[in-house]
Amino acid sequence: MKKILIVDDEVNIGLLLSRFLTRNGFEVNTATSGTAAMDFLAKQSYNLVLCDFRLEDTDGREILKKIKASYPATGVIIITGYSDIKLAVELIKLGAYDYITKPLYPDEILNTINKAIETQEALAKAYSEPASLSTPQKKTQNGTLPEEFVIGQSIVSRELIKQIELISPTNYSVILTGESGTGKESIAKAIHMQSPRRDKPFVAMDCGSLTKELAGSEFFGHEKGSFTGALFTKVGHFEMANGGTLFLDEVGNLSYDIQAALLRTVQERKVKRIGSTKEIDLDVRIVVATNENLQDSIQKGRFREDLYHRFNEFSIHLPPLRNRGKDILIFAESFLKVANHELNRNVKSFSHDVIECIMTYNWPGNVRELKNVIRRSVLLTEGDVVQIKALPLEISTFAKASAIENAVGSSVHVRENKRDLKNAAMEAEYEAILKVLKEVNFNKTKAAKILNIDRKTLYNKMKAINLE
């Protein structure tokens, strides 16, 4: 029998909830204070805690923090007498399964409790049987992740999975931020597949490619004959995603007029095709992505503040690939398997030099660039190990330049901080020669021309400062 602890300083509400849940097959205890609740939790384990936000000795936020710190496999639902989106988002981030407002409706609360217990049972299993970090899994506590989703081992990757697990079971709109190529669509798919909407459509829409004239038709659809060129009825993306998730990529590129129409649709949860008088009810979760700072766009008058707040019920920032440490190699190995399958090859691994390049390069194109580089390298590899010649020149050159910079840095300081004029001049020369060599991909003839010296002089200087 599932155990629930009710925490509410209003005795009558606690009693009513206790009777209702007992009739529905739960074992229930009630506490009228935060202190009493923690005493109950210390004596026995509970599947779920149903906690009122305002208590005489504390509040739901503090109770939630204590429960998640000491009993992470216990689910928590916060109950309050008023609705506050900011507070709801904060509580979800702190680990609450859900946040519901009074008055309580029996069917609604029973459904929420059952889903919460199901989720927390999976979490409890994860705590008792932790997955091996050496073999990243394609599953989390809420279900299966998209096939293309790669689970890393870094701290930022673990935090990312935690955020996906927290927000997925809810209906909150989500903003995904981060540089271009960081995998925002994969995260959006992961949120969808971890949610109760997983069996409904996931519809992705690239707002960056929309013209002002076509945007209305793409979002809302149109009826045949509604405008010149409307030769057939078109179903819009909102209608296509009904019941599921609509992912809007590069949402910051939408025109101000379209933002106004979008706001109306999001607020009213209804859509009307262009040329139609019929309104269609919508049940769509919205996930948007941007590589821009939307708050800056608001200040500059390019993005509506009210629409931003509609979208920003929860936000997740995706770090650039260069900040993900050992995850880079995990991504590369995953893309190697995918490329082998696509190209019908059997490339097994990377050479030591290639691994060094992959881990050194700064990946301005992020995950997207890495995937393309690995596919290209598999295509160019003749044996079963990717060699350095299969990498693009800018990547192998970058690694070489980094190694030289390190060597130069060591040479510069070899005299233990002796800063006379001669040493300062030598250091400036090192930096000037290295900078030019990097700009011309180490073409010594071009470098000598730019530096206004002959090749022999350049070779001698390179030899003198260990750059050869």
Protein backbone atom coordinates (compact mmCIF):
# COMPACT_ATOMS: atom_id res chain seq x y z
CA MET A 1 0.00 0.00 0.00
CA LYS A 2 1.36 3.44 -0.99
CA LYS A 3 2.07 5.81 1.88
CA ILE A 4 1.23 9.51 1.81
CA LEU A 5 2.05 12.17 4.40
CA ILE A 6 -0.28 15.20 4.46
CA VAL A 7 1.18 18.39 5.96
CA ASP A 8 -1.39 21.14 6.64
CA ASP A 9 -1.98 23.30 9.70
CA GLU A 10 -5.70 23.46 8.88
CA VAL A 11 -6.95 20.34 10.64
CA ASN A 12 -10.20 20.11 8.68
CA ILE A 13 -8.46 20.10 5.30
CA GLY A 14 -5.99 17.48 6.49
CA LEU A 15 -8.85 15.32 7.76
CA LEU A 16 -10.83 15.59 4.51
CA LEU A 17 -7.80 14.74 2.41
CA SER A 18 -6.91 11.84 4.69
CA ARG A 19 -10.39 10.32 4.41
CA PHE A 20 -10.51 10.78 0.64
CA LEU A 21 -7.09 9.20 0.04
CA THR A 22 -7.74 6.37 2.49
CA ARG A 23 -10.91 5.49 0.55
CA ASN A 24 -8.78 5.36 -2.59
CA GLY A 25 -6.38 2.79 -1.18
CA PHE A 26 -3.58 4.86 0.36
CA GLU A 27 -2.08 4.65 3.83
CA VAL A 28 -2.18 8.19 5.17
CA ASN A 29 -0.63 10.14 8.06
CA THR A 30 -1.23 13.83 8.78
CA ALA A 31 1.03 16.46 10.32
CA THR A 32 0.06 20.02 11.26
CA SER A 33 3.57 21.54 11.23
CA GLY A 34 6.88 21.28 9.45
CA THR A 35 8.57 19.92 12.57
CA ALA A 36 5.96 17.16 12.93
CA ALA A 37 6.31 16.31 9.25
CA MET A 38 10.09 15.80 9.53
CA ASP A 39 9.50 13.60 12.61
CA PHE A 40 7.15 11.38 10.59
CA LEU A 41 9.68 11.15 7.75
CA ALA A 42 12.46 10.20 10.17
CA LYS A 43 10.41 7.25 11.48
CA GLN A 44 9.17 5.75 8.20
CA SER A 45 9.39 6.21 4.44
CA TYR A 46 6.63 7.74 2.33
CA ASN A 47 5.95 7.58 -1.36
CA LEU A 48 4.62 11.12 -1.40
CA VAL A 49 4.30 14.22 0.75
CA LEU A 50 1.31 16.50 0.15
CA CYS A 51 2.32 19.80 1.75
CA ASP A 52 0.50 23.10 2.20
CA PHE A 53 2.76 26.02 1.26
CA ARG A 54 1.96 28.19 4.29
CA LEU A 55 2.50 26.60 7.70
CA GLU A 56 2.77 28.22 11.12
CA ASP A 57 6.39 27.22 11.74
CA THR A 58 7.77 27.21 8.18
CA ASP A 59 6.70 27.16 4.54
CA GLY A 60 6.49 24.61 1.75
CA ARG A 61 9.71 25.83 0.16
CA GLU A 62 11.79 24.99 3.24
CA ILE A 63 10.03 21.65 3.78
CA LEU A 64 10.69 20.78 0.13
CA LYS A 65 14.42 21.56 0.47
CA LYS A 66 14.72 19.40 3.59
CA ILE A 67 12.87 16.47 2.04
CA LYS A 68 14.91 16.55 -1.15
CA ALA A 69 18.14 16.78 0.84
CA SER A 70 17.36 13.88 3.17
CA TYR A 71 14.79 11.76 1.28
CA PRO A 72 15.39 12.37 -2.45
CA ALA A 73 13.21 9.42 -3.56
CA THR A 74 10.12 10.86 -1.83
CA GLY A 75 7.82 12.85 -4.09
CA VAL A 76 6.48 16.24 -3.00
CA ILE A 77 3.37 18.09 -4.15
CA ILE A 78 2.86 21.63 -2.85
CA ILE A 79 -0.68 22.95 -2.21
CA THR A 80 -1.50 26.63 -1.87
CA GLY A 81 -4.47 28.95 -1.81
CA TYR A 82 -3.28 31.20 -4.64
CA SER A 83 -1.67 30.84 -8.06
CA ASP A 84 1.78 32.26 -8.70
CA ILE A 85 3.68 31.10 -11.81
CA LYS A 86 7.06 32.34 -10.53
CA LEU A 87 6.63 30.44 -7.29
CA ALA A 88 5.51 27.33 -9.19
CA VAL A 89 8.61 27.41 -11.38
CA GLU A 90 10.85 27.90 -8.33
CA LEU A 91 9.30 24.91 -6.56
CA ILE A 92 9.64 22.69 -9.63
CA LYS A 93 13.32 23.67 -9.88
CA LEU A 94 13.77 22.78 -6.21
CA GLY A 95 12.41 19.30 -6.89
CA ALA A 96 8.63 19.41 -6.35
CA TYR A 97 6.71 17.06 -8.62
CA ASP A 98 3.87 19.54 -9.01
CA TYR A 99 2.19 22.60 -7.53
CA ILE A 100 -1.63 22.77 -7.24
CA THR A 101 -3.97 25.48 -6.02
CA LYS A 102 -7.08 25.41 -3.88
CA PRO A 103 -9.91 24.55 -4.17
CA LEU A 104 -8.86 20.93 -4.64
CA TYR A 105 -10.84 18.82 -7.09
CA PRO A 106 -10.89 15.08 -6.22
CA ASP A 107 -10.26 13.72 -9.74
CA GLU A 108 -7.49 16.23 -10.42
CA ILE A 109 -5.62 15.64 -7.17
CA LEU A 110 -5.96 11.85 -7.38
CA ASN A 111 -4.60 11.86 -10.94
CA THR A 112 -1.67 14.09 -9.92
CA ILE A 113 -0.87 11.89 -6.91
CA ASN A 114 -0.87 8.69 -8.99
CA LYS A 115 1.46 10.23 -11.59
CA ALA A 116 3.75 11.59 -8.89
CA ILE A 117 4.03 8.21 -7.17
CA GLU A 118 4.74 6.48 -10.48
CA THR A 119 7.53 8.98 -11.21
CA GLN A 120 9.04 8.76 -7.73
CA GLU A 121 9.05 4.94 -7.79
CA ALA A 122 11.19 5.11 -10.90
CA LEU A 123 13.43 7.63 -9.17
CA ALA A 124 13.73 5.41 -6.09
CA LYS A 125 14.84 2.56 -8.33
CA ALA A 126 17.44 4.85 -9.91
CA TYR A 127 18.84 5.67 -6.45
CA SER A 128 19.06 2.00 -5.46
CA GLU A 129 20.45 0.88 -8.83
CA PRO A 130 22.58 3.71 -10.23
CA ALA A 131 23.49 3.45 -13.91
CA SER A 132 27.12 2.87 -14.82
CA LEU A 133 28.74 6.09 -15.96
CA SER A 134 30.97 4.19 -18.36
CA THR A 135 27.92 3.17 -20.39
CA PRO A 136 25.59 6.16 -20.88
CA GLN A 137 21.96 5.08 -21.00
CA LYS A 138 19.18 6.30 -23.28
CA LYS A 139 16.66 6.33 -20.43
CA THR A 140 15.84 8.51 -17.46
CA GLN A 141 13.32 8.12 -14.69
CA ASN A 142 10.45 9.30 -16.91
CA GLY A 143 11.04 7.14 -19.96
CA THR A 144 13.13 6.78 -23.09
CA LEU A 145 15.16 9.57 -24.65
CA PRO A 146 15.38 10.28 -28.40
CA GLU A 147 17.79 8.01 -30.26
CA GLU A 148 20.05 10.95 -31.20
CA PHE A 149 20.27 12.16 -27.59
CA VAL A 150 23.72 11.58 -26.07
CA ILE A 151 24.06 11.48 -22.29
CA GLY A 152 27.34 12.95 -21.12
CA GLN A 153 29.24 12.41 -17.88
CA SER A 154 30.18 15.99 -17.01
CA ILE A 155 28.57 17.98 -14.21
CA VAL A 156 26.74 20.19 -16.72
CA SER A 157 25.31 17.13 -18.50
CA ARG A 158 24.04 15.65 -15.26
CA GLU A 159 22.44 18.97 -14.37
CA LEU A 160 20.84 19.09 -17.83
CA ILE A 161 19.29 15.63 -17.36
CA LYS A 162 18.06 16.66 -13.93
CA GLN A 163 16.32 19.72 -15.38
CA ILE A 164 14.72 17.65 -18.15
CA GLU A 165 13.41 15.17 -15.58
CA LEU A 166 12.01 18.00 -13.44
CA ILE A 167 10.15 19.89 -16.14
CA SER A 168 9.05 17.13 -18.52
CA PRO A 169 6.04 15.80 -16.53
CA THR A 170 4.54 19.31 -16.32
CA ASN A 171 2.78 21.37 -18.98
CA TYR A 172 5.01 24.41 -18.51
CA SER A 173 6.27 26.24 -21.56
CA VAL A 174 10.08 26.11 -21.81
CA ILE A 175 12.70 28.43 -23.28
CA LEU A 176 15.93 26.76 -24.41
CA THR A 177 18.87 29.14 -24.72
CA GLY A 178 22.40 28.63 -25.94
CA GLU A 179 24.71 29.10 -28.90
CA SER A 180 23.76 27.82 -32.32
CA GLY A 181 24.45 24.10 -32.72
CA THR A 182 24.25 23.14 -29.02
CA GLY A 183 21.42 20.65 -29.64
CA LYS A 184 18.32 22.57 -28.59
CA GLU A 185 15.98 20.50 -30.78
CA SER A 186 17.31 17.27 -29.22
CA ILE A 187 16.57 18.68 -25.76
CA ALA A 188 13.06 19.68 -26.89
CA LYS A 189 12.46 16.12 -28.15
CA ALA A 190 13.79 14.73 -24.88
CA ILE A 191 11.33 16.89 -22.90
CA HIS A 192 8.51 15.68 -25.15
CA MET A 193 9.45 11.99 -24.88
CA GLN A 194 9.75 12.24 -21.10
CA SER A 195 6.30 13.84 -20.80
CA PRO A 196 2.77 12.38 -20.71
CA ARG A 197 2.48 13.69 -24.30
CA ARG A 198 5.10 11.26 -25.60
CA ASP A 199 2.54 9.36 -27.73
CA LYS A 200 1.27 12.58 -29.35
CA PRO A 201 2.92 14.61 -32.15
CA PHE A 202 6.19 16.47 -31.77
CA VAL A 203 6.20 19.23 -34.39
CA ALA A 204 9.31 21.36 -35.01
CA MET A 205 9.15 24.73 -36.75
CA ASP A 206 12.11 26.88 -37.85
CA CYS A 207 11.04 30.47 -37.25
CA GLY A 208 14.29 31.76 -38.73
CA SER A 209 13.27 30.71 -42.25
CA LEU A 210 9.74 32.19 -42.14
CA THR A 211 8.82 35.23 -44.17
CA LYS A 212 6.27 37.63 -42.74
CA GLU A 213 3.80 36.68 -45.50
CA LEU A 214 4.03 32.93 -44.90
CA ALA A 215 4.28 32.90 -41.09
CA GLY A 216 0.51 33.19 -40.43
CA SER A 217 -0.29 30.33 -42.77
CA GLU A 218 2.48 28.14 -41.32
CA PHE A 219 1.40 28.76 -37.72
CA PHE A 220 -2.38 28.76 -38.08
CA GLY A 221 -3.14 27.16 -41.45
CA HIS A 222 -5.56 28.48 -44.10
CA GLU A 223 -8.68 27.53 -45.99
CA LYS A 224 -8.77 26.96 -49.73
CA GLY A 225 -9.32 30.20 -51.59
CA SER A 226 -8.69 32.41 -48.54
CA PHE A 227 -6.03 34.38 -50.46
CA THR A 228 -4.37 34.41 -53.85
CA GLY A 229 -2.45 31.19 -54.27
CA ALA A 230 -4.38 29.27 -51.58
CA LEU A 231 -5.25 26.38 -53.88
CA PHE A 232 -5.94 23.93 -51.05
CA THR A 233 -6.68 23.81 -47.33
CA LYS A 234 -3.55 23.83 -45.18
CA VAL A 235 -3.28 22.61 -41.59
CA GLY A 236 -1.04 24.88 -39.51
CA HIS A 237 1.69 23.77 -37.12
CA PHE A 238 -0.40 24.50 -34.01
CA GLU A 239 -3.16 22.22 -35.26
CA MET A 240 -0.64 19.55 -36.32
CA ALA A 241 0.84 19.55 -32.80
CA ASN A 242 -2.53 19.42 -31.00
CA GLY A 243 -2.24 17.15 -27.98
CA GLY A 244 1.53 17.10 -28.25
CA THR A 245 4.47 19.52 -28.29
CA LEU A 246 5.25 22.40 -30.65
CA PHE A 247 8.93 23.33 -30.87
CA LEU A 248 9.66 26.83 -32.20
CA ASP A 249 13.32 27.24 -33.12
CA GLU A 250 14.93 30.71 -33.40
CA VAL A 251 11.76 32.33 -32.05
CA GLY A 252 13.52 35.69 -31.75
CA ASN A 253 13.36 36.07 -35.55
CA LEU A 254 9.55 36.37 -35.66
CA SER A 255 8.11 39.70 -36.78
CA TYR A 256 6.31 41.83 -34.22
CA ASP A 257 2.94 41.32 -35.99
CA ILE A 258 3.27 37.54 -35.88
CA GLN A 259 4.29 37.74 -32.21
CA ALA A 260 0.97 39.49 -31.47
CA ALA A 261 -1.02 36.77 -33.25
CA LEU A 262 1.05 34.11 -31.52
CA LEU A 263 0.38 35.66 -28.11
CA ARG A 264 -3.38 35.56 -28.69
CA THR A 265 -3.24 31.89 -29.66
CA VAL A 266 -1.09 30.97 -26.65
CA GLN A 267 -3.34 32.89 -24.24
CA GLU A 268 -6.70 31.65 -25.51
CA ARG A 269 -5.58 28.15 -26.45
CA LYS A 270 -7.59 28.42 -29.65
CA VAL A 271 -6.56 28.69 -33.28
CA LYS A 272 -8.46 29.84 -36.33
CA ARG A 273 -7.27 29.10 -39.86
CA ILE A 274 -6.86 32.06 -42.19
CA GLY A 275 -10.16 32.48 -44.05
CA SER A 276 -12.16 30.45 -41.52
CA THR A 277 -14.61 31.50 -38.81
CA LYS A 278 -14.29 28.25 -36.88
CA GLU A 279 -12.10 28.19 -33.77
CA ILE A 280 -10.23 25.00 -32.93
CA ASP A 281 -9.46 24.20 -29.28
CA LEU A 282 -5.77 23.64 -28.61
CA ASP A 283 -3.92 21.50 -26.09
CA VAL A 284 -0.31 22.16 -27.06
CA ARG A 285 2.83 22.38 -24.99
CA ILE A 286 5.26 24.97 -26.36
CA VAL A 287 9.03 24.71 -26.24
CA VAL A 288 10.96 27.56 -27.86
CA ALA A 289 14.65 27.98 -28.61
CA THR A 290 16.85 30.97 -29.25
CA ASN A 291 20.53 31.81 -29.52
CA GLU A 292 19.72 35.47 -28.84
CA ASN A 293 19.20 37.25 -25.53
CA LEU A 294 15.44 37.83 -25.68
CA GLN A 295 15.58 40.29 -22.80
CA ASP A 296 17.91 42.47 -24.86
CA SER A 297 15.47 42.13 -27.77
CA ILE A 298 12.66 43.28 -25.47
CA GLN A 299 14.67 46.37 -24.47
CA LYS A 300 15.27 47.16 -28.15
CA GLY A 301 11.59 46.73 -29.00
CA ARG A 302 12.08 43.66 -31.21
CA PHE A 303 10.35 41.11 -28.97
CA ARG A 304 7.13 41.37 -26.98
CA GLU A 305 7.63 41.22 -23.22
CA ASP A 306 4.19 39.65 -22.63
CA LEU A 307 4.96 36.84 -25.10
CA TYR A 308 8.35 36.28 -23.45
CA HIS A 309 6.71 35.75 -20.07
CA ARG A 310 4.19 33.34 -21.63
CA PHE A 311 7.09 31.25 -22.92
CA ASN A 312 9.38 31.64 -19.92
CA GLU A 313 7.62 29.42 -17.37
CA PHE A 314 10.87 27.45 -17.22
CA SER A 315 14.23 27.97 -18.91
CA ILE A 316 17.16 25.69 -19.65
CA HIS A 317 20.55 26.98 -20.81
CA LEU A 318 22.62 24.66 -23.00
CA PRO A 319 26.36 25.15 -22.46
CA PRO A 320 28.69 25.36 -25.47
CA LEU A 321 30.54 22.17 -26.37
CA ARG A 322 33.92 23.67 -25.44
CA ASN A 323 32.74 23.85 -21.80
CA ARG A 324 31.68 20.21 -21.57
CA GLY A 325 35.08 18.58 -21.00
CA LYS A 326 35.09 14.79 -21.36
CA ASP A 327 31.62 14.91 -22.93
CA ILE A 328 33.27 15.98 -26.20
CA LEU A 329 34.83 12.55 -26.68
CA ILE A 330 31.57 10.82 -25.67
CA PHE A 331 29.75 12.82 -28.37
CA ALA A 332 32.48 12.00 -30.90
CA GLU A 333 32.27 8.26 -30.19
CA SER A 334 28.49 8.33 -30.50
CA PHE A 335 28.68 10.18 -33.82
CA LEU A 336 31.30 7.66 -34.99
CA LYS A 337 28.76 4.83 -34.53
CA VAL A 338 26.08 6.80 -36.36
CA ALA A 339 28.42 7.64 -39.25
CA ASN A 340 29.49 3.97 -39.55
CA HIS A 341 25.85 2.98 -39.89
CA GLU A 342 25.05 5.73 -42.42
CA LEU A 343 28.12 5.09 -44.59
CA ASN A 344 28.29 1.30 -44.12
CA ARG A 345 31.82 1.58 -42.69
CA ASN A 346 33.58 -0.11 -39.78
CA VAL A 347 35.80 2.58 -38.31
CA LYS A 348 36.46 1.52 -34.72
CA SER A 349 38.30 4.36 -33.02
CA PHE A 350 40.33 7.59 -33.19
CA SER A 351 44.11 7.85 -33.15
CA HIS A 352 45.79 9.53 -30.19
CA ASP A 353 46.51 12.64 -32.30
CA VAL A 354 42.89 12.88 -33.39
CA ILE A 355 41.65 12.59 -29.80
CA GLU A 356 44.05 15.37 -28.80
CA CYS A 357 42.71 17.58 -31.60
CA ILE A 358 39.09 16.86 -30.73
CA MET A 359 39.66 17.71 -27.09
CA THR A 360 41.74 20.85 -27.86
CA TYR A 361 39.63 22.51 -30.57
CA ASN A 362 37.17 25.19 -29.41
CA TRP A 363 34.20 23.99 -31.55
CA PRO A 364 32.53 27.29 -32.48
CA GLY A 365 29.79 25.31 -34.26
CA ASN A 366 29.27 23.17 -31.15
CA VAL A 367 27.66 19.71 -31.38
CA ARG A 368 26.49 20.27 -34.96
CA GLU A 369 30.05 21.01 -36.11
CA LEU A 370 31.46 18.00 -34.24
CA LYS A 371 28.90 15.68 -35.84
CA ASN A 372 29.75 16.93 -39.34
CA VAL A 373 33.50 16.61 -38.71
CA ILE A 374 33.14 13.01 -37.50
CA ARG A 375 30.97 12.05 -40.50
CA ARG A 376 33.55 13.58 -42.85
CA SER A 377 36.45 11.86 -41.10
CA VAL A 378 34.74 8.44 -41.31
CA LEU A 379 34.19 8.97 -45.03
CA LEU A 380 37.89 9.82 -45.56
CA THR A 381 39.31 7.05 -43.33
CA GLU A 382 40.70 4.06 -45.22
CA GLY A 383 41.45 1.75 -42.29
CA ASP A 384 39.63 1.19 -39.01
CA VAL A 385 41.21 4.11 -37.09
CA VAL A 386 40.59 7.80 -37.85
CA GLN A 387 43.94 9.49 -38.51
CA ILE A 388 44.78 13.20 -38.27
CA LYS A 389 44.81 13.64 -42.07
CA ALA A 390 41.06 12.93 -42.10
CA LEU A 391 40.35 16.03 -40.00
CA PRO A 392 39.73 19.47 -41.55
CA LEU A 393 42.88 21.61 -41.66
CA GLU A 394 41.49 24.26 -39.30
CA ILE A 395 41.05 21.67 -36.54
CA SER A 396 44.46 20.01 -36.83
CA THR A 397 46.08 23.45 -37.19
CA PHE A 398 44.30 24.76 -34.11
CA ALA A 399 45.67 21.90 -32.01
CA LYS A 400 49.17 22.50 -33.40
CA ALA A 401 48.92 26.22 -32.65
CA SER A 402 47.78 25.52 -29.09
CA ALA A 403 50.75 23.22 -28.52
CA ILE A 404 53.13 25.86 -29.88
CA GLU A 405 51.54 28.56 -27.71
CA ASN A 406 52.19 26.39 -24.67
CA ALA A 407 55.78 25.85 -25.73
CA VAL A 408 56.26 29.55 -26.39
CA GLY A 409 54.76 30.39 -23.02
CA SER A 410 57.29 28.12 -21.34
CA SER A 411 60.17 29.66 -23.27
CA VAL A 412 59.09 33.19 -22.44
CA HIS A 413 59.20 32.56 -18.70
CA VAL A 414 62.32 30.42 -18.68
CA ARG A 415 64.35 33.17 -17.01
CA GLU A 416 62.10 33.28 -13.96
CA ASN A 417 60.42 36.65 -14.31
CA LYS A 418 63.58 38.49 -15.45
CA ARG A 419 61.89 41.40 -17.23
CA ASP A 420 64.66 43.33 -18.98
CA LEU A 421 64.20 45.10 -22.32
CA LYS A 422 65.77 42.27 -24.31
CA ASN A 423 63.37 39.67 -22.91
CA ALA A 424 60.37 41.96 -23.56
CA ALA A 425 61.44 42.35 -27.18
CA MET A 426 61.88 38.58 -27.58
CA GLU A 427 58.43 37.93 -26.16
CA ALA A 428 56.84 40.45 -28.52
CA GLU A 429 58.63 38.78 -31.44
CA TYR A 430 57.41 35.34 -30.39
CA GLU A 431 53.83 36.57 -30.31
CA ALA A 432 54.03 38.42 -33.63
CA ILE A 433 55.50 35.44 -35.50
CA LEU A 434 53.07 32.96 -33.95
CA LYS A 435 50.07 35.16 -34.73
CA VAL A 436 51.00 35.45 -38.41
CA LEU A 437 51.76 31.72 -38.73
CA LYS A 438 48.33 30.87 -37.35
CA GLU A 439 46.64 33.32 -39.73
CA VAL A 440 48.22 31.64 -42.78
CA ASN A 441 47.88 28.05 -41.50
CA PHE A 442 51.67 27.83 -41.03
CA ASN A 443 52.51 28.63 -44.64
CA LYS A 444 56.04 29.95 -44.10
CA THR A 445 56.31 31.69 -47.47
CA LYS A 446 53.17 33.75 -46.80
CA ALA A 447 54.22 34.39 -43.22
CA ALA A 448 57.64 35.71 -44.29
CA LYS A 449 55.97 38.03 -46.81
CA ILE A 450 53.57 39.46 -44.23
CA LEU A 451 56.39 39.89 -41.69
CA ASN A 452 58.49 41.61 -44.40
CA ILE A 453 61.45 39.26 -43.98
CA ASP A 454 62.87 36.52 -46.22
CA ARG A 455 62.22 32.81 -45.63
CA LYS A 456 65.74 32.16 -44.35
CA THR A 457 65.39 34.85 -41.69
CA LEU A 458 62.01 33.44 -40.66
CA TYR A 459 63.46 29.92 -40.34
CA ASN A 460 66.33 31.24 -38.21
CA LYS A 461 63.98 33.15 -35.91
CA MET A 462 61.66 30.13 -35.61
CA LYS A 463 64.63 27.97 -34.69
CA ALA A 464 65.83 30.48 -32.14
CA ILE A 465 62.52 30.61 -30.36
CA ASN A 466 61.66 26.89 -30.65
CA LEU A 467 58.89 27.41 -33.23
CA GLU A 468 60.33 25.15 -35.93
